């Protein structure tokens, strides 16, 4: 799946650069990632690594990001681990970094709604892959994005109410893969294809880094 995911990320960047003036897309992946660990390693060392120590792998999409305007957005491309039968279910979640506050989530069923977007970008059906948008205003994101990216599922990050994050707060985006269907514990992170991020328009990357743990 990794070569297909790389092609998908490149296709999205090319689409933005060709068709949208001022998009300024920048692609990030796990190429500079430190070694990752999963729940099995934590259990073997009798260490509580935090979050779901046994049944979940949390993969941070690199880098952190600030979305300080309606046009700012992060485009995430990744593997739908639920659809790929590598996890019982999976999702994509947006957190506020300072308070470690969960803000909005896209389920694997919602991510599967990007099948048509993936097929148009790659020229072939790859139902295991997804494209998703993280934005402060999904209507604005759809209006400025070219086809087919404008049809990708969108996670709208609220600025008011509860939970919410002001425009100047730093956000982190995570994939969560729950319980390998064969082993019934968190998927083996060594076998997982990690998500990639494209920041566009007014999005600001913050402290680029990659973390994964179970």
C-alpha atoms as a PDB file:
ATOM      1  CA  UNK A   1       0.000   0.000   0.000  1.00  0.00           C
ATOM      2  CA  UNK A   2       2.902   2.385   0.604  1.00  0.00           C
ATOM      3  CA  UNK A   3       3.683   3.009  -3.116  1.00  0.00           C
ATOM      4  CA  UNK A   4       0.004   3.664  -3.813  1.00  0.00           C
ATOM      5  CA  UNK A   5      -0.224   6.065  -0.871  1.00  0.00           C
ATOM      6  CA  UNK A   6       2.863   7.946  -2.073  1.00  0.00           C
ATOM      7  CA  UNK A   7       1.328   8.267  -5.548  1.00  0.00           C
ATOM      8  CA  UNK A   8      -1.900   9.524  -4.002  1.00  0.00           C
ATOM      9  CA  UNK A   9      -0.063  12.220  -2.026  1.00  0.00           C
ATOM     10  CA  UNK A  10       1.878  13.317  -5.107  1.00  0.00           C
ATOM     11  CA  UNK A  11      -1.294  13.441  -7.192  1.00  0.00           C
ATOM     12  CA  UNK A  12      -3.016  15.668  -4.644  1.00  0.00           C
ATOM     13  CA  UNK A  13      -0.068  18.080  -4.542  1.00  0.00           C
ATOM     14  CA  UNK A  14       0.127  18.223  -8.334  1.00  0.00           C
ATOM     15  CA  UNK A  15      -3.617  18.888  -8.561  1.00  0.00           C
ATOM     16  CA  UNK A  16      -3.351  21.793  -6.128  1.00  0.00           C
ATOM     17  CA  UNK A  17      -0.304  23.339  -7.773  1.00  0.00           C
ATOM     18  CA  UNK A  18      -1.773  23.152 -11.256  1.00  0.00           C
ATOM     19  CA  UNK A  19      -5.281  24.335 -10.560  1.00  0.00           C
ATOM     20  CA  UNK A  20      -5.283  26.609  -7.513  1.00  0.00           C
ATOM     21  CA  UNK A  21      -3.343  29.865  -7.407  1.00  0.00           C
ATOM     22  CA  UNK A  22      -2.014  30.541  -3.933  1.00  0.00           C
ATOM     23  CA  UNK A  23      -2.538  27.030  -2.575  1.00  0.00           C
ATOM     24  CA  UNK A  24       1.198  26.571  -1.806  1.00  0.00           C
ATOM     25  CA  UNK A  25       0.835  22.899  -0.889  1.00  0.00           C
ATOM     26  CA  UNK A  26       3.587  21.315   1.179  1.00  0.00           C
ATOM     27  CA  UNK A  27       3.747  17.568   1.720  1.00  0.00           C
ATOM     28  CA  UNK A  28       4.954  15.884   4.907  1.00  0.00           C
ATOM     29  CA  UNK A  29       5.468  12.197   5.644  1.00  0.00           C
ATOM     30  CA  UNK A  30       7.256   9.958   8.109  1.00  0.00           C
ATOM     31  CA  UNK A  31      10.642  10.083   6.346  1.00  0.00           C
ATOM     32  CA  UNK A  32      12.319  11.719   9.368  1.00  0.00           C
ATOM     33  CA  UNK A  33      10.406   9.731  11.943  1.00  0.00           C
ATOM     34  CA  UNK A  34      12.080   8.358  15.045  1.00  0.00           C
ATOM     35  CA  UNK A  35      11.594   4.634  15.705  1.00  0.00           C
ATOM     36  CA  UNK A  36       8.009   3.910  16.710  1.00  0.00           C
ATOM     37  CA  UNK A  37       6.741   1.448  19.286  1.00  0.00           C
ATOM     38  CA  UNK A  38       3.447  -0.310  19.709  1.00  0.00           C
ATOM     39  CA  UNK A  39       1.437  -1.753  22.560  1.00  0.00           C
ATOM     40  CA  UNK A  40       3.220  -5.106  22.472  1.00  0.00           C
ATOM     41  CA  UNK A  41       6.556  -3.449  23.278  1.00  0.00           C
ATOM     42  CA  UNK A  42       4.961  -1.602  26.190  1.00  0.00           C
ATOM     43  CA  UNK A  43       3.476  -4.816  27.571  1.00  0.00           C
ATOM     44  CA  UNK A  44       6.776  -6.696  27.174  1.00  0.00           C
ATOM     45  CA  UNK A  45       8.566  -4.010  29.212  1.00  0.00           C
ATOM     46  CA  UNK A  46       5.716  -3.807  31.739  1.00  0.00           C
ATOM     47  CA  UNK A  47       5.459  -0.099  30.964  1.00  0.00           C
ATOM     48  CA  UNK A  48       2.334   2.037  30.650  1.00  0.00           C
ATOM     49  CA  UNK A  49       3.025   3.969  27.442  1.00  0.00           C
ATOM     50  CA  UNK A  50      -0.154   6.005  27.756  1.00  0.00           C
ATOM     51  CA  UNK A  51      -3.414   6.091  25.821  1.00  0.00           C
ATOM     52  CA  UNK A  52      -4.531   2.635  24.612  1.00  0.00           C
ATOM     53  CA  UNK A  53      -1.667   0.480  25.806  1.00  0.00           C
ATOM     54  CA  UNK A  54      -2.894  -2.763  24.281  1.00  0.00           C
ATOM     55  CA  UNK A  55      -5.681  -2.457  21.744  1.00  0.00           C
ATOM     56  CA  UNK A  56      -4.846   0.694  19.757  1.00  0.00           C
ATOM     57  CA  UNK A  57      -2.086   2.258  17.695  1.00  0.00           C
ATOM     58  CA  UNK A  58      -2.097   6.064  17.697  1.00  0.00           C
ATOM     59  CA  UNK A  59      -0.188   7.538  14.751  1.00  0.00           C
ATOM     60  CA  UNK A  60       0.424  11.262  14.735  1.00  0.00           C
ATOM     61  CA  UNK A  61       0.226  12.855  11.311  1.00  0.00           C
ATOM     62  CA  UNK A  62       3.330  15.039  10.914  1.00  0.00           C
ATOM     63  CA  UNK A  63       3.530  17.956  11.665  1.00  0.00           C
ATOM     64  CA  UNK A  64       1.397  19.900  14.133  1.00  0.00           C
ATOM     65  CA  UNK A  65      -0.576  22.595  12.342  1.00  0.00           C
ATOM     66  CA  UNK A  66      -2.344  25.906  12.902  1.00  0.00           C
ATOM     67  CA  UNK A  67      -5.478  26.640  10.897  1.00  0.00           C
ATOM     68  CA  UNK A  68      -5.998  30.338  11.544  1.00  0.00           C
ATOM     69  CA  UNK A  69      -8.384  31.207   8.722  1.00  0.00           C
ATOM     70  CA  UNK A  70     -11.329  29.737   6.824  1.00  0.00           C
ATOM     71  CA  UNK A  71      -9.029  28.937   3.869  1.00  0.00           C
ATOM     72  CA  UNK A  72      -6.327  27.188   5.877  1.00  0.00           C
ATOM     73  CA  UNK A  73      -6.487  23.416   5.670  1.00  0.00           C
ATOM     74  CA  UNK A  74      -4.625  20.164   6.069  1.00  0.00           C
ATOM     75  CA  UNK A  75      -5.200  17.404   3.543  1.00  0.00           C
ATOM     76  CA  UNK A  76      -4.567  13.943   4.977  1.00  0.00           C
ATOM     77  CA  UNK A  77      -3.935  10.858   2.852  1.00  0.00           C
ATOM     78  CA  UNK A  78      -3.720   7.491   4.529  1.00  0.00           C
ATOM     79  CA  UNK A  79      -4.771   3.894   4.780  1.00  0.00           C
ATOM     80  CA  UNK A  80      -8.263   3.133   6.026  1.00  0.00           C
ATOM     81  CA  UNK A  81      -7.128   0.351   8.336  1.00  0.00           C
ATOM     82  CA  UNK A  82     -10.690  -0.782   8.958  1.00  0.00           C
ATOM     83  CA  UNK A  83     -11.410  -1.118   5.234  1.00  0.00           C
ATOM     84  CA  UNK A  84      -8.049  -2.851   4.753  1.00  0.00           C
ATOM     85  CA  UNK A  85      -9.065  -5.432   7.406  1.00  0.00           C
ATOM     86  CA  UNK A  86      -5.955  -4.603   9.391  1.00  0.00           C
ATOM     87  CA  UNK A  87      -7.960  -3.206  12.293  1.00  0.00           C
ATOM     88  CA  UNK A  88     -11.430  -3.862  13.643  1.00  0.00           C
ATOM     89  CA  UNK A  89     -12.108  -0.184  13.085  1.00  0.00           C
ATOM     90  CA  UNK A  90     -10.109   3.017  12.721  1.00  0.00           C
ATOM     91  CA  UNK A  91     -10.615   6.762  12.651  1.00  0.00           C
ATOM     92  CA  UNK A  92      -8.963  10.143  12.238  1.00  0.00           C
ATOM     93  CA  UNK A  93      -9.104  12.585  15.146  1.00  0.00           C
ATOM     94  CA  UNK A  94      -8.148  16.246  15.580  1.00  0.00           C
ATOM     95  CA  UNK A  95      -6.832  17.386  18.975  1.00  0.00           C
ATOM     96  CA  UNK A  96      -5.816  20.710  20.452  1.00  0.00           C
ATOM     97  CA  UNK A  97      -2.210  20.266  21.566  1.00  0.00           C
ATOM     98  CA  UNK A  98      -2.040  22.599  24.579  1.00  0.00           C
ATOM     99  CA  UNK A  99      -4.978  21.035  26.426  1.00  0.00           C
ATOM    100  CA  UNK A 100      -4.737  17.607  24.773  1.00  0.00           C
ATOM    101  CA  UNK A 101      -8.376  18.104  23.920  1.00  0.00           C
ATOM    102  CA  UNK A 102     -10.190  15.990  21.346  1.00  0.00           C
ATOM    103  CA  UNK A 103     -12.171  18.184  18.962  1.00  0.00           C
ATOM    104  CA  UNK A 104     -13.587  16.227  16.034  1.00  0.00           C
ATOM    105  CA  UNK A 105     -13.317  12.732  14.557  1.00  0.00           C
ATOM    106  CA  UNK A 106     -13.886  11.079  11.175  1.00  0.00           C
ATOM    107  CA  UNK A 107     -14.824   7.399  11.393  1.00  0.00           C
ATOM    108  CA  UNK A 108     -13.523   4.768   8.986  1.00  0.00           C
ATOM    109  CA  UNK A 109     -17.004   4.653   7.436  1.00  0.00           C
ATOM    110  CA  UNK A 110     -16.792   8.384   6.752  1.00  0.00           C
ATOM    111  CA  UNK A 111     -13.251   8.072   5.386  1.00  0.00           C
ATOM    112  CA  UNK A 112     -14.526   5.366   3.034  1.00  0.00           C
ATOM    113  CA  UNK A 113     -16.671   8.047   1.373  1.00  0.00           C
ATOM    114  CA  UNK A 114     -13.489   9.318  -0.290  1.00  0.00           C
ATOM    115  CA  UNK A 115     -13.237   6.232  -2.520  1.00  0.00           C
ATOM    116  CA  UNK A 116     -14.305   8.238  -5.561  1.00  0.00           C
ATOM    117  CA  UNK A 117     -11.750  10.956  -4.808  1.00  0.00           C
ATOM    118  CA  UNK A 118      -8.964   8.374  -4.549  1.00  0.00           C
ATOM    119  CA  UNK A 119     -10.040   6.668  -7.772  1.00  0.00           C
ATOM    120  CA  UNK A 120     -10.074   9.949  -9.704  1.00  0.00           C
ATOM    121  CA  UNK A 121      -6.647  10.976  -8.414  1.00  0.00           C
ATOM    122  CA  UNK A 122      -5.002   7.598  -9.042  1.00  0.00           C
ATOM    123  CA  UNK A 123      -6.960   6.423 -12.064  1.00  0.00           C
ATOM    124  CA  UNK A 124      -7.731   3.155 -10.292  1.00  0.00           C
ATOM    125  CA  UNK A 125      -9.899   1.952  -7.433  1.00  0.00           C
ATOM    126  CA  UNK A 126      -8.016   1.672  -4.123  1.00  0.00           C
ATOM    127  CA  UNK A 127     -10.706   1.355  -1.454  1.00  0.00           C
ATOM    128  CA  UNK A 128      -8.065   0.835   1.258  1.00  0.00           C
ATOM    129  CA  UNK A 129      -6.870   4.435   0.880  1.00  0.00           C
ATOM    130  CA  UNK A 130      -8.541   7.684   1.892  1.00  0.00           C
ATOM    131  CA  UNK A 131      -8.279  11.443   1.443  1.00  0.00           C
ATOM    132  CA  UNK A 132      -9.633  13.738   4.157  1.00  0.00           C
ATOM    133  CA  UNK A 133      -9.668  17.475   4.790  1.00  0.00           C
ATOM    134  CA  UNK A 134      -9.212  19.208   8.160  1.00  0.00           C
ATOM    135  CA  UNK A 135     -10.463  22.782   8.068  1.00  0.00           C
ATOM    136  CA  UNK A 136     -12.041  25.524  10.144  1.00  0.00           C
ATOM    137  CA  UNK A 137     -14.776  25.895   7.503  1.00  0.00           C
ATOM    138  CA  UNK A 138     -15.571  22.881   5.336  1.00  0.00           C
ATOM    139  CA  UNK A 139     -17.802  24.888   2.981  1.00  0.00           C
ATOM    140  CA  UNK A 140     -14.944  27.283   2.253  1.00  0.00           C
ATOM    141  CA  UNK A 141     -12.534  24.377   1.825  1.00  0.00           C
ATOM    142  CA  UNK A 142     -14.815  22.735  -0.717  1.00  0.00           C
ATOM    143  CA  UNK A 143     -15.218  26.032  -2.570  1.00  0.00           C
ATOM    144  CA  UNK A 144     -11.472  26.623  -3.016  1.00  0.00           C
ATOM    145  CA  UNK A 145     -10.322  23.050  -3.623  1.00  0.00           C
ATOM    146  CA  UNK A 146     -10.218  21.628  -7.165  1.00  0.00           C
ATOM    147  CA  UNK A 147     -12.159  18.565  -8.246  1.00  0.00           C
ATOM    148  CA  UNK A 148     -12.007  15.838  -6.963  1.00  0.00           C
ATOM    149  CA  UNK A 149     -10.463  17.071  -3.690  1.00  0.00           C
ATOM    150  CA  UNK A 150     -13.512  19.227  -3.040  1.00  0.00           C
ATOM    151  CA  UNK A 151     -15.549  16.041  -2.487  1.00  0.00           C
ATOM    152  CA  UNK A 152     -13.288  14.566   0.209  1.00  0.00           C
ATOM    153  CA  UNK A 153     -14.724  14.080   3.723  1.00  0.00           C
ATOM    154  CA  UNK A 154     -14.002  17.098   5.890  1.00  0.00           C
ATOM    155  CA  UNK A 155     -13.472  17.472   9.640  1.00  0.00           C
ATOM    156  CA  UNK A 156     -14.542  20.969  10.671  1.00  0.00           C
ATOM    157  CA  UNK A 157     -12.655  22.252  13.717  1.00  0.00           C
ATOM    158  CA  UNK A 158     -14.892  24.526  15.824  1.00  0.00           C
ATOM    159  CA  UNK A 159     -13.627  27.831  17.195  1.00  0.00           C
ATOM    160  CA  UNK A 160     -16.395  28.296  19.779  1.00  0.00           C
ATOM    161  CA  UNK A 161     -18.444  26.105  22.064  1.00  0.00           C
ATOM    162  CA  UNK A 162     -17.335  22.837  23.619  1.00  0.00           C
ATOM    163  CA  UNK A 163     -15.100  21.299  22.552  1.00  0.00           C
ATOM    164  CA  UNK A 164     -13.374  23.930  20.443  1.00  0.00           C
ATOM    165  CA  UNK A 165     -10.002  25.569  19.782  1.00  0.00           C
ATOM    166  CA  UNK A 166      -9.326  29.264  19.084  1.00  0.00           C
ATOM    167  CA  UNK A 167      -7.828  30.114  15.708  1.00  0.00           C
ATOM    168  CA  UNK A 168      -4.333  30.604  17.133  1.00  0.00           C
ATOM    169  CA  UNK A 169      -4.162  27.215  18.850  1.00  0.00           C
ATOM    170  CA  UNK A 170      -1.915  24.423  17.579  1.00  0.00           C
ATOM    171  CA  UNK A 171      -3.642  21.261  16.421  1.00  0.00           C
ATOM    172  CA  UNK A 172      -2.486  17.676  16.115  1.00  0.00           C
ATOM    173  CA  UNK A 173      -4.087  15.088  13.859  1.00  0.00           C
ATOM    174  CA  UNK A 174      -3.990  11.394  14.680  1.00  0.00           C
ATOM    175  CA  UNK A 175      -4.950   8.101  13.111  1.00  0.00           C
ATOM    176  CA  UNK A 176      -6.232   5.497  15.554  1.00  0.00           C
ATOM    177  CA  UNK A 177      -6.330   1.832  14.555  1.00  0.00           C
ATOM    178  CA  UNK A 178      -8.103  -0.498  16.961  1.00  0.00           C
ATOM    179  CA  UNK A 179      -7.539  -4.244  17.468  1.00  0.00           C
ATOM    180  CA  UNK A 180      -6.055  -6.242  14.615  1.00  0.00           C
ATOM    181  CA  UNK A 181      -8.802  -8.593  13.430  1.00  0.00           C
ATOM    182  CA  UNK A 182      -6.396 -11.562  13.639  1.00  0.00           C
ATOM    183  CA  UNK A 183      -4.615 -10.942  16.941  1.00  0.00           C
ATOM    184  CA  UNK A 184      -7.287  -8.925  18.809  1.00  0.00           C
ATOM    185  CA  UNK A 185      -4.648  -6.496  20.086  1.00  0.00           C
ATOM    186  CA  UNK A 186      -3.389  -3.275  18.540  1.00  0.00           C
ATOM    187  CA  UNK A 187      -1.990  -3.655  15.004  1.00  0.00           C
ATOM    188  CA  UNK A 188       1.745  -4.204  14.629  1.00  0.00           C
ATOM    189  CA  UNK A 189       3.061  -0.701  13.920  1.00  0.00           C
ATOM    190  CA  UNK A 190       5.981  -2.190  11.964  1.00  0.00           C
ATOM    191  CA  UNK A 191       3.508  -3.384   9.329  1.00  0.00           C
ATOM    192  CA  UNK A 192       1.416  -0.218   9.157  1.00  0.00           C
ATOM    193  CA  UNK A 193       1.545   2.385   6.408  1.00  0.00           C
ATOM    194  CA  UNK A 194       1.502   5.752   8.133  1.00  0.00           C
ATOM    195  CA  UNK A 195      -0.563   8.777   7.071  1.00  0.00           C
ATOM    196  CA  UNK A 196       0.804  11.811   5.253  1.00  0.00           C
ATOM    197  CA  UNK A 197      -0.184  15.476   5.405  1.00  0.00           C
ATOM    198  CA  UNK A 198      -0.378  18.236   2.820  1.00  0.00           C
ATOM    199  CA  UNK A 199      -0.767  21.744   4.225  1.00  0.00           C
ATOM    200  CA  UNK A 200      -2.334  24.293   1.909  1.00  0.00           C
ATOM    201  CA  UNK A 201      -3.327  27.955   1.676  1.00  0.00           C
ATOM    202  CA  UNK A 202      -2.878  29.699   5.043  1.00  0.00           C
ATOM    203  CA  UNK A 203      -2.060  26.598   7.095  1.00  0.00           C
ATOM    204  CA  UNK A 204       1.086  26.888   9.212  1.00  0.00           C
ATOM    205  CA  UNK A 205       3.126  23.815  10.122  1.00  0.00           C
ATOM    206  CA  UNK A 206       4.412  23.740  13.694  1.00  0.00           C
ATOM    207  CA  UNK A 207       7.244  21.689  15.168  1.00  0.00           C
ATOM    208  CA  UNK A 208       7.336  19.000  12.455  1.00  0.00           C
ATOM    209  CA  UNK A 209       7.676  15.612  14.049  1.00  0.00           C
ATOM    210  CA  UNK A 210       6.227  12.132  13.938  1.00  0.00           C
ATOM    211  CA  UNK A 211       5.177   9.967  16.873  1.00  0.00           C
ATOM    212  CA  UNK A 212       3.454   6.614  16.977  1.00  0.00           C
ATOM    213  CA  UNK A 213       2.680   4.431  19.933  1.00  0.00           C
ATOM    214  CA  UNK A 214       0.150   1.857  21.035  1.00  0.00           C
END
